[in-house]
N, C-alpha and C. Protein backbone atom coordinates (compact mmCIF):
# COMPACT_ATOMS: atom_id res chain seq x y z
N UNK A 1 197.90 108.99 96.50
CA UNK A 1 198.74 107.90 96.01
C UNK A 1 199.06 108.06 94.53
N UNK A 2 198.08 108.48 93.74
CA UNK A 2 198.31 108.65 92.30
C UNK A 2 199.37 109.71 92.05
N UNK A 3 199.37 110.75 92.90
CA UNK A 3 200.38 111.81 92.75
C UNK A 3 201.77 111.25 93.02
N UNK A 4 201.89 110.41 94.05
CA UNK A 4 203.18 109.81 94.37
C UNK A 4 203.64 108.89 93.25
N UNK A 5 202.72 108.16 92.68
CA UNK A 5 203.07 107.29 91.56
C UNK A 5 203.61 108.10 90.39
N UNK A 6 202.97 109.23 90.13
CA UNK A 6 203.43 110.07 89.02
C UNK A 6 204.80 110.67 89.31
N UNK A 7 205.07 110.98 90.59
CA UNK A 7 206.38 111.51 90.96
C UNK A 7 207.46 110.46 90.75
N UNK A 8 207.16 109.23 91.21
CA UNK A 8 208.12 108.14 91.07
C UNK A 8 208.33 107.77 89.61
N UNK A 9 207.32 107.97 88.80
CA UNK A 9 207.43 107.61 87.39
C UNK A 9 208.50 108.43 86.68
N UNK A 10 208.74 109.63 87.17
CA UNK A 10 209.74 110.50 86.55
C UNK A 10 211.14 110.02 86.90
N UNK A 11 211.37 109.78 88.19
CA UNK A 11 212.68 109.36 88.67
C UNK A 11 212.56 108.92 90.12
N UNK A 12 213.35 107.93 90.56
CA UNK A 12 213.33 107.54 91.97
C UNK A 12 213.85 108.63 92.90
N UNK A 13 214.50 109.63 92.31
CA UNK A 13 215.02 110.74 93.12
C UNK A 13 213.98 111.84 93.33
N UNK A 14 212.95 111.87 92.49
CA UNK A 14 211.94 112.93 92.58
C UNK A 14 211.27 113.01 93.95
N UNK A 15 210.96 111.88 94.60
CA UNK A 15 210.35 111.99 95.93
C UNK A 15 211.22 112.73 96.94
N UNK A 16 212.54 112.57 96.82
CA UNK A 16 213.45 113.29 97.71
C UNK A 16 213.34 114.79 97.48
N UNK A 17 213.30 115.17 96.20
CA UNK A 17 213.16 116.58 95.86
C UNK A 17 211.81 117.12 96.31
N UNK A 18 210.78 116.33 96.13
CA UNK A 18 209.42 116.71 96.54
C UNK A 18 209.36 116.88 98.06
N UNK A 19 209.94 115.93 98.77
CA UNK A 19 209.96 115.94 100.23
C UNK A 19 210.72 117.17 100.74
N UNK A 20 211.85 117.47 100.12
CA UNK A 20 212.67 118.61 100.55
C UNK A 20 211.94 119.93 100.35
N UNK A 21 211.19 120.04 99.27
CA UNK A 21 210.41 121.26 99.04
C UNK A 21 209.34 121.44 100.11
N UNK A 22 208.75 120.33 100.56
CA UNK A 22 207.78 120.40 101.66
C UNK A 22 208.45 120.95 102.93
N UNK A 23 209.67 120.50 103.18
CA UNK A 23 210.41 120.97 104.37
C UNK A 23 210.66 122.47 104.26
N UNK A 24 211.00 122.92 103.07
CA UNK A 24 211.24 124.35 102.84
C UNK A 24 209.98 125.16 103.15
N UNK A 25 208.82 124.70 102.70
CA UNK A 25 207.57 125.43 102.94
C UNK A 25 207.21 125.43 104.43
N UNK A 26 207.52 124.35 105.12
CA UNK A 26 207.30 124.32 106.56
C UNK A 26 208.18 125.36 107.25
N UNK A 27 209.43 125.46 106.81
CA UNK A 27 210.34 126.45 107.39
C UNK A 27 209.85 127.87 107.15
N UNK A 28 209.31 128.12 105.97
CA UNK A 28 208.76 129.45 105.67
C UNK A 28 207.60 129.78 106.61
N UNK A 29 206.75 128.80 106.89
CA UNK A 29 205.63 129.02 107.81
C UNK A 29 206.14 129.30 109.23
N UNK A 30 207.21 128.65 109.62
CA UNK A 30 207.79 128.92 110.94
C UNK A 30 208.27 130.36 111.03
N UNK A 31 208.90 130.83 109.98
CA UNK A 31 209.34 132.24 109.95
C UNK A 31 208.13 133.16 110.12
N UNK A 32 207.04 132.85 109.43
CA UNK A 32 205.83 133.68 109.53
C UNK A 32 205.26 133.63 110.96
N UNK A 33 205.29 132.47 111.59
CA UNK A 33 204.79 132.35 112.96
C UNK A 33 205.62 133.20 113.91
N UNK A 34 206.93 133.16 113.77
CA UNK A 34 207.80 133.96 114.63
C UNK A 34 207.56 135.44 114.40
N UNK A 35 207.45 135.84 113.13
CA UNK A 35 207.20 137.26 112.83
C UNK A 35 205.88 137.72 113.44
N UNK A 36 204.83 136.90 113.32
CA UNK A 36 203.52 137.27 113.86
C UNK A 36 203.55 137.34 115.38
N UNK A 37 204.28 136.42 116.00
CA UNK A 37 204.35 136.44 117.46
C UNK A 37 205.12 137.66 117.95
N UNK A 38 206.16 138.05 117.23
CA UNK A 38 206.92 139.26 117.61
C UNK A 38 206.05 140.51 117.48
N UNK A 39 205.11 140.47 116.52
CA UNK A 39 204.18 141.59 116.34
C UNK A 39 202.92 141.43 117.21
N UNK A 40 202.87 140.30 117.95
CA UNK A 40 201.73 139.98 118.83
C UNK A 40 200.41 139.93 118.06
N UNK A 41 200.47 139.34 116.86
CA UNK A 41 199.28 139.12 116.05
C UNK A 41 198.91 137.63 116.16
N UNK A 42 198.14 137.30 117.19
CA UNK A 42 197.92 135.92 117.58
C UNK A 42 196.86 135.18 116.75
N UNK A 43 195.96 135.91 116.12
CA UNK A 43 194.81 135.27 115.49
C UNK A 43 195.20 134.35 114.34
N UNK A 44 196.28 134.64 113.64
CA UNK A 44 196.65 133.85 112.46
C UNK A 44 197.55 132.65 112.79
N UNK A 45 198.01 132.57 114.04
CA UNK A 45 199.03 131.58 114.35
C UNK A 45 198.53 130.14 114.27
N UNK A 46 197.33 129.89 114.76
CA UNK A 46 196.79 128.52 114.73
C UNK A 46 196.65 128.03 113.29
N UNK A 47 196.24 128.91 112.39
CA UNK A 47 196.12 128.53 110.98
C UNK A 47 197.49 128.19 110.39
N UNK A 48 198.50 128.97 110.73
CA UNK A 48 199.86 128.68 110.25
C UNK A 48 200.34 127.34 110.77
N UNK A 49 200.06 127.06 112.05
CA UNK A 49 200.46 125.77 112.62
C UNK A 49 199.73 124.62 111.93
N UNK A 50 198.45 124.80 111.65
CA UNK A 50 197.68 123.79 110.94
C UNK A 50 198.27 123.53 109.55
N UNK A 51 198.70 124.59 108.88
CA UNK A 51 199.32 124.43 107.55
C UNK A 51 200.63 123.66 107.66
N UNK A 52 201.40 123.94 108.71
CA UNK A 52 202.65 123.21 108.92
C UNK A 52 202.38 121.72 109.13
N UNK A 53 201.37 121.40 109.91
CA UNK A 53 201.03 120.01 110.20
C UNK A 53 200.54 119.29 108.94
N UNK A 54 199.81 120.00 108.10
CA UNK A 54 199.33 119.41 106.84
C UNK A 54 200.52 119.08 105.93
N UNK A 55 201.48 119.99 105.85
CA UNK A 55 202.67 119.74 105.04
C UNK A 55 203.49 118.59 105.61
N UNK A 56 203.52 118.50 106.93
CA UNK A 56 204.22 117.38 107.56
C UNK A 56 203.58 116.05 107.17
N UNK A 57 202.26 116.00 107.16
CA UNK A 57 201.56 114.78 106.77
C UNK A 57 201.86 114.41 105.33
N UNK A 58 201.90 115.41 104.46
CA UNK A 58 202.21 115.15 103.05
C UNK A 58 203.64 114.62 102.89
N UNK A 59 204.56 115.21 103.66
CA UNK A 59 205.95 114.74 103.61
C UNK A 59 206.06 113.32 104.15
N UNK A 60 205.31 113.03 105.21
CA UNK A 60 205.34 111.68 105.79
C UNK A 60 204.80 110.64 104.81
N UNK A 61 203.83 111.02 104.00
CA UNK A 61 203.30 110.10 102.98
C UNK A 61 204.40 109.72 101.99
N UNK A 62 205.20 110.71 101.62
CA UNK A 62 206.31 110.44 100.69
C UNK A 62 207.32 109.49 101.33
N UNK A 63 207.69 109.78 102.57
CA UNK A 63 208.65 108.94 103.27
C UNK A 63 208.13 107.50 103.41
N UNK A 64 206.86 107.36 103.76
CA UNK A 64 206.27 106.04 103.90
C UNK A 64 206.27 105.30 102.56
N UNK A 65 205.96 106.03 101.50
CA UNK A 65 205.89 105.41 100.17
C UNK A 65 207.28 104.92 99.75
N UNK A 66 208.31 105.72 100.03
CA UNK A 66 209.68 105.31 99.71
C UNK A 66 210.05 104.05 100.49
N UNK A 67 209.68 104.01 101.76
CA UNK A 67 209.99 102.85 102.61
C UNK A 67 209.34 101.58 102.08
N UNK A 68 208.23 101.73 101.38
CA UNK A 68 207.50 100.57 100.86
C UNK A 68 208.11 100.03 99.56
N UNK A 69 208.99 100.81 98.92
CA UNK A 69 209.54 100.41 97.64
C UNK A 69 210.62 99.34 97.80
N UNK A 70 210.74 98.50 96.79
CA UNK A 70 211.82 97.53 96.76
C UNK A 70 213.11 98.21 96.33
N UNK A 71 214.21 97.63 96.71
CA UNK A 71 215.53 98.21 96.40
C UNK A 71 215.67 98.48 94.91
N UNK A 72 215.20 97.51 94.07
CA UNK A 72 215.36 97.64 92.62
C UNK A 72 214.59 98.83 92.06
N UNK A 73 213.48 99.19 92.72
CA UNK A 73 212.66 100.30 92.23
C UNK A 73 213.31 101.66 92.48
N UNK A 74 214.32 101.69 93.33
CA UNK A 74 215.03 102.94 93.61
C UNK A 74 216.38 103.01 92.89
N UNK A 75 216.71 101.97 92.14
CA UNK A 75 217.98 101.92 91.41
C UNK A 75 218.13 103.17 90.53
N UNK A 76 219.29 103.81 90.47
CA UNK A 76 220.59 103.36 90.99
C UNK A 76 220.91 103.86 92.40
N UNK A 77 219.93 104.32 93.15
CA UNK A 77 220.17 104.85 94.48
C UNK A 77 219.92 103.80 95.55
N UNK A 78 220.69 103.86 96.63
CA UNK A 78 220.50 102.92 97.72
C UNK A 78 219.29 103.33 98.55
N UNK A 79 218.40 102.36 98.78
CA UNK A 79 217.18 102.65 99.53
C UNK A 79 217.50 103.15 100.93
N UNK A 80 218.46 102.52 101.60
CA UNK A 80 218.79 102.91 102.97
C UNK A 80 219.27 104.35 103.04
N UNK A 81 220.01 104.80 102.02
CA UNK A 81 220.53 106.15 101.99
C UNK A 81 219.38 107.17 101.84
N UNK A 82 218.44 106.86 100.94
CA UNK A 82 217.31 107.77 100.73
C UNK A 82 216.41 107.82 101.96
N UNK A 83 216.13 106.66 102.55
CA UNK A 83 215.27 106.62 103.73
C UNK A 83 215.91 107.38 104.88
N UNK A 84 217.21 107.21 105.07
CA UNK A 84 217.92 107.93 106.14
C UNK A 84 217.84 109.43 105.93
N UNK A 85 218.02 109.85 104.68
CA UNK A 85 217.96 111.28 104.36
C UNK A 85 216.58 111.84 104.67
N UNK A 86 215.54 111.12 104.27
CA UNK A 86 214.17 111.59 104.52
C UNK A 86 213.87 111.61 106.02
N UNK A 87 214.40 110.64 106.76
CA UNK A 87 214.18 110.62 108.21
C UNK A 87 214.87 111.80 108.88
N UNK A 88 216.05 112.15 108.39
CA UNK A 88 216.74 113.32 108.94
C UNK A 88 215.92 114.59 108.70
N UNK A 89 215.32 114.67 107.52
CA UNK A 89 214.46 115.82 107.24
C UNK A 89 213.23 115.80 108.13
N UNK A 90 212.69 114.61 108.37
CA UNK A 90 211.52 114.49 109.26
C UNK A 90 211.87 114.96 110.67
N UNK A 91 213.08 114.69 111.11
CA UNK A 91 213.53 115.16 112.42
C UNK A 91 213.59 116.69 112.47
N UNK A 92 214.00 117.29 111.35
CA UNK A 92 214.01 118.75 111.27
C UNK A 92 212.60 119.31 111.40
N UNK A 93 211.66 118.66 110.73
CA UNK A 93 210.27 119.10 110.79
C UNK A 93 209.74 119.01 112.22
N UNK A 94 210.06 117.92 112.91
CA UNK A 94 209.63 117.77 114.30
C UNK A 94 210.16 118.92 115.16
N UNK A 95 211.39 119.32 114.91
CA UNK A 95 211.97 120.44 115.64
C UNK A 95 211.26 121.75 115.35
N UNK A 96 210.94 121.98 114.07
CA UNK A 96 210.26 123.22 113.70
C UNK A 96 208.85 123.27 114.28
N UNK A 97 208.16 122.13 114.28
CA UNK A 97 206.82 122.10 114.87
C UNK A 97 206.88 122.29 116.38
N UNK A 98 207.91 121.78 117.01
CA UNK A 98 208.09 121.98 118.45
C UNK A 98 208.25 123.47 118.76
N UNK A 99 209.03 124.16 117.94
CA UNK A 99 209.21 125.60 118.12
C UNK A 99 207.88 126.33 117.96
N UNK A 100 207.16 126.00 116.89
CA UNK A 100 205.88 126.66 116.62
C UNK A 100 204.87 126.42 117.75
N UNK A 101 204.78 125.16 118.19
CA UNK A 101 203.82 124.84 119.26
C UNK A 101 204.18 125.54 120.56
N UNK A 102 205.46 125.61 120.87
CA UNK A 102 205.90 126.28 122.09
C UNK A 102 205.50 127.76 122.06
N UNK A 103 205.72 128.40 120.93
CA UNK A 103 205.38 129.82 120.78
C UNK A 103 203.87 130.03 120.96
N UNK A 104 203.08 129.17 120.32
CA UNK A 104 201.63 129.34 120.33
C UNK A 104 201.02 128.95 121.67
N UNK A 105 201.41 127.80 122.18
CA UNK A 105 200.81 127.32 123.43
C UNK A 105 201.15 128.21 124.62
N UNK A 106 202.33 128.79 124.61
CA UNK A 106 202.74 129.66 125.72
C UNK A 106 202.47 131.14 125.42
N UNK A 107 201.90 131.39 124.26
CA UNK A 107 201.62 132.78 123.88
C UNK A 107 202.88 133.64 124.08
N UNK A 108 203.98 133.13 123.51
CA UNK A 108 205.30 133.74 123.76
C UNK A 108 205.36 135.19 123.29
N UNK A 109 205.81 136.01 124.17
CA UNK A 109 206.06 137.41 123.84
C UNK A 109 207.56 137.65 123.96
N UNK A 110 208.21 137.81 122.83
CA UNK A 110 209.66 137.99 122.84
C UNK A 110 210.02 139.38 123.36
N UNK A 111 210.89 139.46 124.37
CA UNK A 111 211.34 140.78 124.84
C UNK A 111 211.94 141.57 123.68
N UNK A 112 211.72 142.87 123.63
CA UNK A 112 212.24 143.69 122.52
C UNK A 112 213.73 143.50 122.28
N UNK A 113 214.49 143.26 123.35
CA UNK A 113 215.93 143.08 123.20
C UNK A 113 216.28 141.82 122.40
N UNK A 114 215.36 140.84 122.41
CA UNK A 114 215.63 139.56 121.76
C UNK A 114 214.92 139.39 120.41
N UNK A 115 213.83 140.12 120.21
CA UNK A 115 212.94 139.85 119.07
C UNK A 115 213.66 139.88 117.73
N UNK A 116 214.40 140.95 117.45
CA UNK A 116 215.04 141.10 116.14
C UNK A 116 216.06 140.00 115.89
N UNK A 117 216.88 139.71 116.90
CA UNK A 117 217.89 138.66 116.73
C UNK A 117 217.26 137.28 116.60
N UNK A 118 216.17 137.04 117.31
CA UNK A 118 215.53 135.72 117.17
C UNK A 118 214.91 135.57 115.78
N UNK A 119 214.32 136.65 115.27
CA UNK A 119 213.81 136.60 113.90
C UNK A 119 214.96 136.33 112.93
N UNK A 120 216.11 136.95 113.19
CA UNK A 120 217.29 136.72 112.35
C UNK A 120 217.76 135.28 112.42
N UNK A 121 217.69 134.69 113.61
CA UNK A 121 218.10 133.30 113.79
C UNK A 121 217.19 132.36 113.00
N UNK A 122 215.88 132.59 113.06
CA UNK A 122 214.93 131.75 112.32
C UNK A 122 215.10 131.95 110.82
N UNK A 123 215.33 133.16 110.39
CA UNK A 123 215.53 133.43 108.96
C UNK A 123 216.81 132.77 108.45
N UNK A 124 217.85 132.75 109.28
CA UNK A 124 219.09 132.09 108.88
C UNK A 124 218.89 130.59 108.74
N UNK A 125 218.08 130.01 109.62
CA UNK A 125 217.77 128.58 109.51
C UNK A 125 216.97 128.30 108.24
N UNK A 126 216.04 129.19 107.91
CA UNK A 126 215.29 129.06 106.66
C UNK A 126 216.24 129.14 105.46
N UNK A 127 217.21 130.04 105.52
CA UNK A 127 218.17 130.20 104.43
C UNK A 127 218.98 128.92 104.24
N UNK A 128 219.33 128.27 105.37
CA UNK A 128 220.07 127.01 105.28
C UNK A 128 219.22 125.94 104.60
N UNK A 129 217.94 125.88 104.94
CA UNK A 129 217.04 124.90 104.33
C UNK A 129 216.82 125.24 102.85
N UNK A 130 216.77 126.53 102.53
CA UNK A 130 216.64 126.95 101.13
C UNK A 130 217.82 126.43 100.30
N UNK A 131 219.02 126.54 100.85
CA UNK A 131 220.21 126.06 100.14
C UNK A 131 220.15 124.55 99.94
N UNK A 132 219.65 123.84 100.94
CA UNK A 132 219.49 122.39 100.81
C UNK A 132 218.50 122.07 99.69
N UNK A 133 217.40 122.82 99.64
CA UNK A 133 216.39 122.61 98.60
C UNK A 133 216.96 122.89 97.22
N UNK A 134 217.73 123.95 97.10
CA UNK A 134 218.34 124.32 95.82
C UNK A 134 219.29 123.22 95.33
N UNK A 135 220.12 122.74 96.25
CA UNK A 135 221.10 121.73 95.86
C UNK A 135 220.42 120.44 95.40
N UNK A 136 219.41 120.00 96.13
CA UNK A 136 218.72 118.76 95.77
C UNK A 136 217.94 118.92 94.47
N UNK A 137 217.41 120.12 94.24
CA UNK A 137 216.65 120.36 93.00
C UNK A 137 217.54 120.27 91.76
N UNK A 138 218.85 120.45 91.95
CA UNK A 138 219.77 120.42 90.82
C UNK A 138 220.23 119.01 90.47
N UNK A 139 219.98 118.06 91.36
CA UNK A 139 220.34 116.68 91.05
C UNK A 139 219.59 116.22 89.80
N UNK A 140 220.29 115.60 88.91
CA UNK A 140 219.76 115.06 87.65
C UNK A 140 219.47 116.15 86.61
N UNK A 141 219.52 117.42 87.00
CA UNK A 141 219.22 118.48 86.04
C UNK A 141 220.48 118.97 85.32
N UNK A 142 221.63 118.78 85.97
CA UNK A 142 222.86 119.31 85.41
C UNK A 142 223.88 118.19 85.24
N UNK A 143 224.92 118.46 84.47
CA UNK A 143 225.98 117.48 84.32
C UNK A 143 226.69 117.30 85.66
N UNK A 144 227.39 116.19 85.78
CA UNK A 144 228.08 115.91 87.05
C UNK A 144 229.08 117.01 87.39
N UNK A 145 229.78 117.52 86.37
CA UNK A 145 230.78 118.56 86.62
C UNK A 145 230.13 119.83 87.15
N UNK A 146 229.03 120.26 86.50
CA UNK A 146 228.34 121.48 86.95
C UNK A 146 227.72 121.28 88.32
N UNK A 147 227.17 120.09 88.55
CA UNK A 147 226.55 119.82 89.85
C UNK A 147 227.59 119.86 90.96
N UNK A 148 228.73 119.23 90.74
CA UNK A 148 229.77 119.20 91.77
C UNK A 148 230.30 120.60 92.06
N UNK A 149 230.37 121.41 91.01
CA UNK A 149 230.82 122.80 91.20
C UNK A 149 229.81 123.57 92.05
N UNK A 150 228.52 123.40 91.74
CA UNK A 150 227.47 124.07 92.49
C UNK A 150 227.41 123.54 93.93
N UNK A 151 227.57 122.24 94.08
CA UNK A 151 227.54 121.63 95.41
C UNK A 151 228.66 122.17 96.28
N UNK A 152 229.84 122.30 95.70
CA UNK A 152 230.98 122.83 96.44
C UNK A 152 230.71 124.26 96.90
N UNK A 153 230.12 125.06 96.03
CA UNK A 153 229.79 126.44 96.36
C UNK A 153 228.76 126.50 97.49
N UNK A 154 227.71 125.70 97.38
CA UNK A 154 226.65 125.72 98.39
C UNK A 154 227.16 125.20 99.74
N UNK A 155 228.01 124.21 99.72
CA UNK A 155 228.55 123.69 100.98
C UNK A 155 229.37 124.75 101.71
N UNK A 156 230.12 125.55 100.97
CA UNK A 156 230.87 126.65 101.59
C UNK A 156 229.91 127.71 102.14
N UNK A 157 228.85 128.00 101.39
CA UNK A 157 227.85 128.96 101.85
C UNK A 157 227.16 128.46 103.12
N UNK A 158 226.90 127.16 103.18
CA UNK A 158 226.26 126.59 104.36
C UNK A 158 227.15 126.72 105.59
N UNK A 159 228.43 126.54 105.41
CA UNK A 159 229.35 126.70 106.54
C UNK A 159 229.31 128.13 107.07
N UNK A 160 229.19 129.10 106.16
CA UNK A 160 229.09 130.50 106.59
C UNK A 160 227.76 130.76 107.29
N UNK A 161 226.69 130.16 106.78
CA UNK A 161 225.38 130.32 107.42
C UNK A 161 225.43 129.82 108.85
N UNK A 162 226.04 128.65 109.05
CA UNK A 162 226.14 128.10 110.41
C UNK A 162 226.98 129.00 111.31
N UNK A 163 228.05 129.57 110.76
CA UNK A 163 228.85 130.52 111.57
C UNK A 163 228.00 131.73 111.97
N UNK A 164 227.20 132.22 111.02
CA UNK A 164 226.31 133.35 111.31
C UNK A 164 225.28 132.98 112.39
N UNK A 165 224.73 131.77 112.26
CA UNK A 165 223.74 131.30 113.24
C UNK A 165 224.35 131.22 114.64
N UNK A 166 225.56 130.68 114.73
CA UNK A 166 226.21 130.57 116.03
C UNK A 166 226.53 131.94 116.62
N UNK A 167 226.85 132.89 115.73
CA UNK A 167 227.10 134.26 116.20
C UNK A 167 225.81 134.89 116.76
N UNK A 168 224.70 134.71 116.04
CA UNK A 168 223.42 135.24 116.51
C UNK A 168 223.02 134.55 117.82
N UNK A 169 223.24 133.25 117.88
CA UNK A 169 222.91 132.51 119.12
C UNK A 169 223.69 133.08 120.31
N UNK A 170 224.97 133.34 120.09
CA UNK A 170 225.80 133.89 121.18
C UNK A 170 225.27 135.24 121.65
N UNK A 171 224.86 136.08 120.68
CA UNK A 171 224.31 137.39 121.04
C UNK A 171 222.99 137.24 121.80
N UNK A 172 222.14 136.34 121.33
CA UNK A 172 220.86 136.10 122.00
C UNK A 172 221.07 135.59 123.43
N UNK A 173 222.00 134.68 123.59
CA UNK A 173 222.28 134.12 124.91
C UNK A 173 222.77 135.21 125.86
N UNK A 174 223.67 136.05 125.35
CA UNK A 174 224.19 137.14 126.17
C UNK A 174 223.08 138.13 126.55
N UNK A 175 222.24 138.47 125.59
CA UNK A 175 221.14 139.40 125.87
C UNK A 175 220.14 138.79 126.85
N UNK A 176 219.86 137.51 126.68
CA UNK A 176 218.90 136.86 127.58
C UNK A 176 219.44 136.79 129.00
N UNK A 177 220.73 136.52 129.13
CA UNK A 177 221.35 136.50 130.46
C UNK A 177 221.21 137.86 131.15
N UNK A 178 221.25 138.92 130.34
CA UNK A 178 221.19 140.28 130.90
C UNK A 178 219.81 140.63 131.43
N UNK A 179 218.75 139.94 130.93
CA UNK A 179 217.39 140.30 131.34
C UNK A 179 216.66 139.15 132.04
N UNK A 180 217.40 138.11 132.42
CA UNK A 180 216.77 136.94 133.04
C UNK A 180 215.88 137.32 134.22
N UNK A 181 216.37 138.21 135.05
CA UNK A 181 215.62 138.58 136.26
C UNK A 181 214.31 139.28 135.91
N UNK A 182 214.27 139.96 134.78
CA UNK A 182 213.06 140.69 134.39
C UNK A 182 212.04 139.79 133.70
N UNK A 183 212.52 138.74 133.05
CA UNK A 183 211.65 137.89 132.25
C UNK A 183 210.94 136.83 133.09
N UNK A 184 211.62 136.29 134.05
CA UNK A 184 211.04 135.22 134.87
C UNK A 184 211.65 133.88 134.53
N UNK A 185 211.85 133.03 135.53
CA UNK A 185 212.62 131.80 135.36
C UNK A 185 212.02 130.85 134.33
N UNK A 186 210.70 130.64 134.38
CA UNK A 186 210.08 129.68 133.47
C UNK A 186 210.17 130.17 132.02
N UNK A 187 209.89 131.45 131.84
CA UNK A 187 209.96 132.00 130.48
C UNK A 187 211.38 131.94 129.93
N UNK A 188 212.34 132.16 130.79
CA UNK A 188 213.75 132.10 130.38
C UNK A 188 214.09 130.70 129.87
N UNK A 189 213.60 129.67 130.59
CA UNK A 189 213.86 128.29 130.17
C UNK A 189 213.33 128.04 128.76
N UNK A 190 212.11 128.52 128.50
CA UNK A 190 211.52 128.29 127.18
C UNK A 190 212.23 129.10 126.10
N UNK A 191 212.69 130.29 126.44
CA UNK A 191 213.43 131.09 125.45
C UNK A 191 214.75 130.42 125.09
N UNK A 192 215.46 129.90 126.09
CA UNK A 192 216.69 129.16 125.80
C UNK A 192 216.38 127.93 124.93
N UNK A 193 215.27 127.27 125.22
CA UNK A 193 214.85 126.10 124.44
C UNK A 193 214.64 126.47 122.98
N UNK A 194 213.97 127.59 122.73
CA UNK A 194 213.70 128.03 121.36
C UNK A 194 214.99 128.38 120.63
N UNK A 195 215.88 129.06 121.33
CA UNK A 195 217.17 129.44 120.71
C UNK A 195 217.96 128.20 120.33
N UNK A 196 218.02 127.23 121.24
CA UNK A 196 218.79 126.01 121.00
C UNK A 196 218.19 125.20 119.85
N UNK A 197 216.87 125.05 119.86
CA UNK A 197 216.19 124.28 118.82
C UNK A 197 216.40 124.89 117.43
N UNK A 198 216.26 126.22 117.36
CA UNK A 198 216.40 126.90 116.07
C UNK A 198 217.82 126.79 115.55
N UNK A 199 218.79 126.93 116.43
CA UNK A 199 220.20 126.77 116.06
C UNK A 199 220.45 125.36 115.53
N UNK A 200 219.86 124.38 116.18
CA UNK A 200 220.06 122.98 115.80
C UNK A 200 219.54 122.70 114.39
N UNK A 201 218.44 123.34 114.02
CA UNK A 201 217.85 123.12 112.69
C UNK A 201 218.83 123.55 111.59
N UNK A 202 219.46 124.69 111.78
CA UNK A 202 220.45 125.15 110.79
C UNK A 202 221.62 124.18 110.71
N UNK A 203 222.05 123.67 111.87
CA UNK A 203 223.14 122.71 111.89
C UNK A 203 222.77 121.41 111.18
N UNK A 204 221.52 120.97 111.37
CA UNK A 204 221.06 119.75 110.69
C UNK A 204 221.07 119.94 109.18
N UNK A 205 220.59 121.08 108.71
CA UNK A 205 220.57 121.35 107.27
C UNK A 205 221.98 121.34 106.70
N UNK A 206 222.91 121.95 107.42
CA UNK A 206 224.30 122.00 106.95
C UNK A 206 224.91 120.61 106.88
N UNK A 207 224.67 119.79 107.90
CA UNK A 207 225.20 118.43 107.91
C UNK A 207 224.64 117.61 106.75
N UNK A 208 223.36 117.79 106.47
CA UNK A 208 222.74 117.03 105.38
C UNK A 208 223.29 117.43 104.03
N UNK A 209 223.53 118.72 103.83
CA UNK A 209 224.09 119.18 102.57
C UNK A 209 225.50 118.61 102.38
N UNK A 210 226.27 118.56 103.45
CA UNK A 210 227.64 118.03 103.36
C UNK A 210 227.64 116.56 102.95
N UNK A 211 226.54 115.85 103.27
CA UNK A 211 226.50 114.40 103.03
C UNK A 211 225.78 114.02 101.73
N UNK A 212 225.20 114.99 101.04
CA UNK A 212 224.45 114.66 99.82
C UNK A 212 225.39 114.13 98.76
N UNK A 213 225.14 112.92 98.33
CA UNK A 213 225.94 112.33 97.25
C UNK A 213 225.13 111.28 96.51
N UNK A 214 223.88 111.60 96.22
CA UNK A 214 223.03 110.63 95.52
C UNK A 214 223.61 110.33 94.15
């Protein structure tokens, strides 16, 4: 609690920046989990998942603390806008944890035809979250003119990231269709689930960046 108080003491926007950085670190851990699973190095995965859950708890503390604040304490920002933004990020975290748990609980072994592209898909989603983190970190640090210029640049980059993600998704879907009979029906369902979830995370990050106007 004392740490949260110190964060709020700097600016009512600092908790948003703090929360976003937590989301970024969770995304990095997801990338590590996918890489380890593709290499079939299972021993470290539970620890990575535990680290993700710990970061989620820390992020939830920030969100709860913001929800407890009075409107005047968040001035000049609207409380509803900040809470909505943090909830959207929390939804992203839930998606990333779902992916991680599915991989670990099912001991997922990605077929060689899919492994590289799926790693690319997860890395692209991380890149989208990185851009969101960068943009939010610049709030209050730069003049409005410089910030708007940077925001415009990042929003265009995010649109390209989403196009790249959709391209990778299409390739993964096509490759998976080609080997469905070899993989097995149940495993195919979970692989499609992972592809869809990961694609959705990048889309969520892009939508949030487009709406940032604190």
